[in-house]
């Protein structure tokens, strides 16, 4: 394999994944944008519901909830038990229902009902970490940010694009090799690839068009 720098290799990988993932189911956030547009509040809520929950569960839950509430003011008038019923069976649905009420109240009291568009302010909201903040920035406001979830962290390391232990380390290393115009897209592509091909256990390397560019770091068994 010819020696190329990490930025060129990453761009080649992105081009391959764009083509290879065309017929894959889009991540939940992309589906929400297709239905509601770039609504930062709905993207924030959808992301919180998706934490430690599969998209196939979190997206229907979000859609049920959005039939009753699409603004913080809508949300705070819904009884807690009703929110729990609507979002069940997402993981930690009781905790998440209370969190949605707390965040909505915070947005009303301190941000004029609007989701803030800076990382610092987003991180000040209850239950919002770096992954959620970056997803809201990139998908809700179209502000360049790299959202590192479990798929991005795992696959970026397998590809040898980064050598990291934590998602935040992955984010910082990816920022150094990826031009900003690819930051938001990178998450979408790797989520689809992680759900379908580069799975946590026994990735489908024999069916992966990225294989010639992949050193398979950390992969001990594949199909």
Protein backbone atom coordinates (compact mmCIF):
# COMPACT_ATOMS: atom_id res chain seq x y z
CA UNK A 1 0.00 0.00 0.00
CA UNK A 2 1.44 3.36 -1.03
CA UNK A 3 2.37 5.70 1.79
CA UNK A 4 -0.01 8.68 2.04
CA UNK A 5 -0.51 11.17 4.84
CA UNK A 6 -3.33 10.80 7.33
CA UNK A 7 -5.42 13.65 5.93
CA UNK A 8 -5.33 12.26 2.39
CA UNK A 9 -6.11 8.78 3.67
CA UNK A 10 -9.05 10.06 5.74
CA UNK A 11 -10.47 11.90 2.72
CA UNK A 12 -10.14 8.76 0.59
CA UNK A 13 -11.98 6.78 3.29
CA UNK A 14 -14.77 9.36 3.44
CA UNK A 15 -15.20 9.21 -0.34
CA UNK A 16 -15.47 5.41 -0.22
CA UNK A 17 -17.96 5.48 2.66
CA UNK A 18 -20.16 8.06 0.93
CA UNK A 19 -20.62 5.74 -2.01
CA UNK A 20 -20.84 2.49 -0.04
CA UNK A 21 -23.41 3.77 2.49
CA UNK A 22 -25.89 5.30 0.03
CA UNK A 23 -28.52 2.63 0.65
CA UNK A 24 -28.02 2.32 4.40
CA UNK A 25 -30.55 3.56 6.93
CA UNK A 26 -29.62 7.08 8.01
CA UNK A 27 -28.85 7.76 11.70
CA UNK A 28 -31.76 8.95 13.84
CA UNK A 29 -30.57 12.57 13.86
CA UNK A 30 -30.52 12.69 10.06
CA UNK A 31 -34.06 11.28 10.00
CA UNK A 32 -35.20 14.01 12.40
CA UNK A 33 -33.65 16.71 10.22
CA UNK A 34 -35.35 15.28 7.14
CA UNK A 35 -38.70 15.46 8.94
CA UNK A 36 -38.40 18.66 11.01
CA UNK A 37 -35.44 20.57 9.53
CA UNK A 38 -32.46 21.74 11.58
CA UNK A 39 -34.36 22.26 14.81
CA UNK A 40 -31.75 22.41 17.60
CA UNK A 41 -34.25 21.60 20.35
CA UNK A 42 -35.55 18.47 18.64
CA UNK A 43 -32.02 17.37 17.80
CA UNK A 44 -31.00 17.88 21.44
CA UNK A 45 -33.96 15.86 22.70
CA UNK A 46 -33.42 13.15 20.10
CA UNK A 47 -29.74 12.87 20.99
CA UNK A 48 -30.49 12.55 24.70
CA UNK A 49 -33.02 9.81 24.01
CA UNK A 50 -30.47 7.94 21.86
CA UNK A 51 -27.80 7.75 24.56
CA UNK A 52 -27.11 4.06 25.27
CA UNK A 53 -30.11 3.17 23.11
CA UNK A 54 -30.33 1.88 19.53
CA UNK A 55 -31.69 4.24 16.89
CA UNK A 56 -34.42 1.71 16.10
CA UNK A 57 -35.78 2.35 19.61
CA UNK A 58 -34.91 6.00 20.19
CA UNK A 59 -36.23 7.39 16.90
CA UNK A 60 -39.80 6.05 17.28
CA UNK A 61 -39.76 7.27 20.89
CA UNK A 62 -38.72 10.74 19.77
CA UNK A 63 -41.42 10.85 17.12
CA UNK A 64 -44.08 9.85 19.66
CA UNK A 65 -42.90 12.58 22.01
CA UNK A 66 -42.78 15.22 19.28
CA UNK A 67 -46.45 14.65 18.53
CA UNK A 68 -47.09 16.44 21.84
CA UNK A 69 -44.01 18.61 22.35
CA UNK A 70 -41.72 20.39 19.91
CA UNK A 71 -40.68 23.30 22.16
CA UNK A 72 -39.48 23.62 25.75
CA UNK A 73 -42.78 25.25 26.70
CA UNK A 74 -44.68 22.30 25.25
CA UNK A 75 -42.49 19.88 27.16
CA UNK A 76 -42.83 21.35 30.64
CA UNK A 77 -46.62 21.05 30.67
CA UNK A 78 -46.54 17.31 29.98
CA UNK A 79 -46.71 15.19 33.15
CA UNK A 80 -43.56 13.26 33.92
CA UNK A 81 -45.37 9.91 33.79
CA UNK A 82 -46.71 10.74 30.33
CA UNK A 83 -43.22 11.51 29.05
CA UNK A 84 -41.99 8.23 30.51
CA UNK A 85 -44.79 6.36 28.75
CA UNK A 86 -44.06 8.07 25.44
CA UNK A 87 -40.31 7.39 25.40
CA UNK A 88 -40.39 3.86 26.80
CA UNK A 89 -38.48 1.56 26.14
CA UNK A 90 -35.43 3.79 25.63
CA UNK A 91 -32.63 3.07 28.07
CA UNK A 92 -32.99 4.85 31.43
CA UNK A 93 -36.34 6.25 30.31
CA UNK A 94 -37.32 7.41 33.81
CA UNK A 95 -34.10 9.39 34.22
CA UNK A 96 -34.32 10.75 30.70
CA UNK A 97 -37.92 11.90 31.14
CA UNK A 98 -36.93 13.92 34.22
CA UNK A 99 -33.89 15.23 32.34
CA UNK A 100 -35.99 16.48 29.45
CA UNK A 101 -38.16 18.46 31.86
CA UNK A 102 -35.11 19.89 33.63
CA UNK A 103 -33.41 20.92 30.40
CA UNK A 104 -36.59 22.46 29.03
CA UNK A 105 -37.05 24.47 32.20
CA UNK A 106 -33.41 25.60 32.02
CA UNK A 107 -33.84 26.74 28.42
CA UNK A 108 -36.93 28.73 29.34
CA UNK A 109 -35.38 30.36 32.38
CA UNK A 110 -31.89 31.14 31.09
CA UNK A 111 -31.91 31.02 27.29
CA UNK A 112 -35.24 32.47 26.19
CA UNK A 113 -36.44 28.98 25.19
CA UNK A 114 -33.64 28.73 22.63
CA UNK A 115 -30.97 26.06 22.56
CA UNK A 116 -27.59 27.83 22.87
CA UNK A 117 -25.15 27.62 19.99
CA UNK A 118 -21.86 27.45 21.90
CA UNK A 119 -20.22 24.37 23.35
CA UNK A 120 -19.72 26.02 26.73
CA UNK A 121 -23.38 26.91 27.12
CA UNK A 122 -24.55 23.53 25.85
CA UNK A 123 -22.30 21.78 28.36
CA UNK A 124 -23.91 23.85 31.12
CA UNK A 125 -27.24 22.13 30.48
CA UNK A 126 -28.14 19.14 32.68
CA UNK A 127 -27.03 15.82 31.22
CA UNK A 128 -25.29 17.31 28.17
CA UNK A 129 -21.78 16.02 27.51
CA UNK A 130 -19.29 16.59 24.70
CA UNK A 131 -20.89 14.09 22.34
CA UNK A 132 -24.35 15.66 22.65
CA UNK A 133 -23.02 19.21 22.50
CA UNK A 134 -21.06 18.51 19.33
CA UNK A 135 -23.99 16.78 17.67
CA UNK A 136 -26.27 19.73 18.40
CA UNK A 137 -23.66 22.19 17.09
CA UNK A 138 -23.02 20.24 13.89
CA UNK A 139 -26.52 19.05 13.08
CA UNK A 140 -28.63 21.72 14.75
CA UNK A 141 -26.61 24.81 13.86
CA UNK A 142 -24.39 23.58 11.02
CA UNK A 143 -21.35 24.61 13.06
CA UNK A 144 -18.29 22.39 12.40
CA UNK A 145 -17.89 19.89 15.23
CA UNK A 146 -16.87 16.24 15.45
CA UNK A 147 -19.34 14.15 17.40
CA UNK A 148 -17.46 11.13 18.72
CA UNK A 149 -19.80 8.34 19.71
CA UNK A 150 -18.90 4.68 20.20
CA UNK A 151 -18.81 4.01 16.44
CA UNK A 152 -16.54 6.95 15.61
CA UNK A 153 -14.21 6.12 18.50
CA UNK A 154 -13.97 2.43 17.59
CA UNK A 155 -13.64 2.79 13.82
CA UNK A 156 -11.22 5.73 13.86
CA UNK A 157 -8.90 3.62 16.01
CA UNK A 158 -9.32 0.51 13.84
CA UNK A 159 -8.48 2.58 10.78
CA UNK A 160 -5.37 3.88 12.49
CA UNK A 161 -6.50 7.49 12.04
CA UNK A 162 -6.11 7.97 15.77
CA UNK A 163 -4.49 6.20 18.69
CA UNK A 164 -6.73 7.12 21.59
CA UNK A 165 -8.23 5.80 24.78
CA UNK A 166 -11.11 8.22 25.32
CA UNK A 167 -13.65 9.78 22.94
CA UNK A 168 -12.31 13.24 23.76
CA UNK A 169 -8.81 12.15 22.73
CA UNK A 170 -10.31 10.81 19.50
CA UNK A 171 -12.02 14.13 18.85
CA UNK A 172 -8.84 16.14 19.38
CA UNK A 173 -6.76 13.85 17.16
CA UNK A 174 -9.37 13.83 14.37
CA UNK A 175 -9.48 17.63 14.41
CA UNK A 176 -5.79 17.65 13.51
CA UNK A 177 -6.18 15.50 10.40
CA UNK A 178 -9.70 16.21 9.13
CA UNK A 179 -10.48 19.48 7.35
CA UNK A 180 -13.43 21.21 9.02
CA UNK A 181 -15.73 20.66 6.05
CA UNK A 182 -15.74 16.93 6.85
CA UNK A 183 -16.31 17.16 10.60
CA UNK A 184 -20.10 16.90 10.69
CA UNK A 185 -20.31 14.29 7.93
CA UNK A 186 -17.73 12.03 9.54
CA UNK A 187 -20.05 11.06 12.37
CA UNK A 188 -22.94 10.22 10.05
CA UNK A 189 -20.78 8.01 7.83
CA UNK A 190 -19.10 6.13 10.68
CA UNK A 191 -22.37 5.57 12.55
CA UNK A 192 -23.86 3.86 9.50
CA UNK A 193 -20.67 1.90 8.91
CA UNK A 194 -20.47 0.86 12.54
CA UNK A 195 -24.07 -0.33 12.57
CA UNK A 196 -23.76 -2.36 9.36
CA UNK A 197 -20.16 -3.33 8.57
CA UNK A 198 -17.55 -2.34 11.17
CA UNK A 199 -19.49 -3.81 14.08
CA UNK A 200 -18.04 -4.01 17.62
CA UNK A 201 -17.59 -7.76 17.42
CA UNK A 202 -16.59 -9.68 14.31
CA UNK A 203 -16.64 -6.81 11.80
CA UNK A 204 -17.46 -7.73 8.20
CA UNK A 205 -13.99 -6.98 6.83
CA UNK A 206 -14.47 -9.25 3.78
CA UNK A 207 -17.35 -7.02 2.64
CA UNK A 208 -15.67 -3.71 3.45
CA UNK A 209 -14.46 -1.54 0.54
CA UNK A 210 -12.28 0.39 3.00
CA UNK A 211 -10.27 -2.76 3.79
CA UNK A 212 -7.29 -1.85 1.53
CA UNK A 213 -6.84 1.34 3.59
CA UNK A 214 -7.48 -0.28 6.97
CA UNK A 215 -4.78 -1.80 9.22
CA UNK A 216 -7.56 -3.41 11.35
CA UNK A 217 -5.98 -2.25 14.57
CA UNK A 218 -7.42 -4.09 17.56
CA UNK A 219 -9.45 -6.49 15.38
CA UNK A 220 -8.89 -10.06 16.54
CA UNK A 221 -11.75 -11.73 14.70
CA UNK A 222 -13.59 -10.71 11.55
CA UNK A 223 -15.89 -12.09 8.90
